[in-house]
């Protein structure tokens, strides 16, 4: 018998799998490279910690916030 994800976890996974491709598209990266960039420069950690607030905003601003976090942590593109 499998265990179902609780609603909050399911919503978090849905948002993360939605926003990483938006980030990739915005900065002309493939999804894998976007994921690795976000992971390397703190954007993924920021996303995991603040997904609830980010998902209520326009995706443009969520992507921009993630970019700013990465930039502050040494990421350049």
Protein backbone atom coordinates (compact mmCIF):
# COMPACT_ATOMS: atom_id res chain seq x y z
CA UNK A 1 0.00 0.00 0.00
CA UNK A 2 1.58 3.31 -1.15
CA UNK A 3 1.44 6.51 0.79
CA UNK A 4 -0.07 9.58 -0.79
CA UNK A 5 1.59 12.95 -0.47
CA UNK A 6 -0.18 15.38 1.80
CA UNK A 7 -1.74 18.37 0.04
CA UNK A 8 0.98 20.84 1.05
CA UNK A 9 3.76 18.57 -0.19
CA UNK A 10 1.87 17.93 -3.41
CA UNK A 11 1.35 21.68 -3.92
CA UNK A 12 5.04 22.34 -3.23
CA UNK A 13 6.17 19.72 -5.76
CA UNK A 14 3.70 21.06 -8.33
CA UNK A 15 4.95 24.61 -7.93
CA UNK A 16 8.63 23.65 -8.06
CA UNK A 17 8.10 21.57 -11.21
CA UNK A 18 6.22 24.52 -12.71
CA UNK A 19 8.63 27.33 -11.82
CA UNK A 20 12.01 25.77 -12.68
CA UNK A 21 11.06 25.46 -16.38
CA UNK A 22 9.80 29.08 -16.29
CA UNK A 23 13.18 30.11 -14.88
CA UNK A 24 14.94 28.13 -17.61
CA UNK A 25 12.83 29.73 -20.32
CA UNK A 26 13.32 33.23 -18.94
CA UNK A 27 17.10 32.92 -18.89
CA UNK A 28 17.43 30.81 -22.05
CA UNK A 29 18.67 27.66 -20.33
CA UNK A 30 17.57 24.07 -20.57
CA UNK A 31 15.74 22.79 -17.50
CA UNK A 32 18.66 20.66 -16.29
CA UNK A 33 21.09 23.60 -16.46
CA UNK A 34 18.56 25.85 -14.73
CA UNK A 35 18.18 23.32 -11.92
CA UNK A 36 21.95 23.02 -11.51
CA UNK A 37 22.37 26.83 -11.59
CA UNK A 38 19.65 27.28 -8.96
CA UNK A 39 21.19 24.56 -6.81
CA UNK A 40 24.72 25.99 -7.07
CA UNK A 41 23.78 29.60 -6.28
CA UNK A 42 21.14 29.16 -3.59
CA UNK A 43 18.05 29.67 -5.71
CA UNK A 44 16.79 26.15 -5.13
CA UNK A 45 17.21 26.45 -1.38
CA UNK A 46 15.37 29.78 -1.51
CA UNK A 47 12.62 28.19 -3.60
CA UNK A 48 12.24 25.26 -1.19
CA UNK A 49 12.07 27.57 1.82
CA UNK A 50 9.80 30.27 0.37
CA UNK A 51 7.70 28.39 -2.17
CA UNK A 52 4.48 29.18 -0.33
CA UNK A 53 4.90 32.94 -0.71
CA UNK A 54 6.37 32.67 -4.21
CA UNK A 55 3.50 30.61 -5.54
CA UNK A 56 0.99 33.31 -4.66
CA UNK A 57 2.75 35.88 -6.83
CA UNK A 58 3.00 36.27 -10.58
CA UNK A 59 5.50 33.70 -11.92
CA UNK A 60 7.53 36.58 -13.42
CA UNK A 61 8.29 37.91 -9.94
CA UNK A 62 9.05 34.46 -8.51
CA UNK A 63 11.56 33.87 -11.31
CA UNK A 64 13.05 37.32 -10.78
CA UNK A 65 13.39 36.74 -7.02
CA UNK A 66 15.18 33.44 -7.65
CA UNK A 67 17.52 35.18 -10.11
CA UNK A 68 18.31 37.89 -7.55
CA UNK A 69 19.15 35.31 -4.88
CA UNK A 70 21.46 33.50 -7.30
CA UNK A 71 23.09 36.76 -8.36
CA UNK A 72 23.71 37.71 -4.71
CA UNK A 73 25.41 34.33 -4.26
CA UNK A 74 27.80 34.73 -7.17
CA UNK A 75 25.66 33.58 -10.07
CA UNK A 76 26.02 35.50 -13.30
CA UNK A 77 24.25 35.02 -16.57
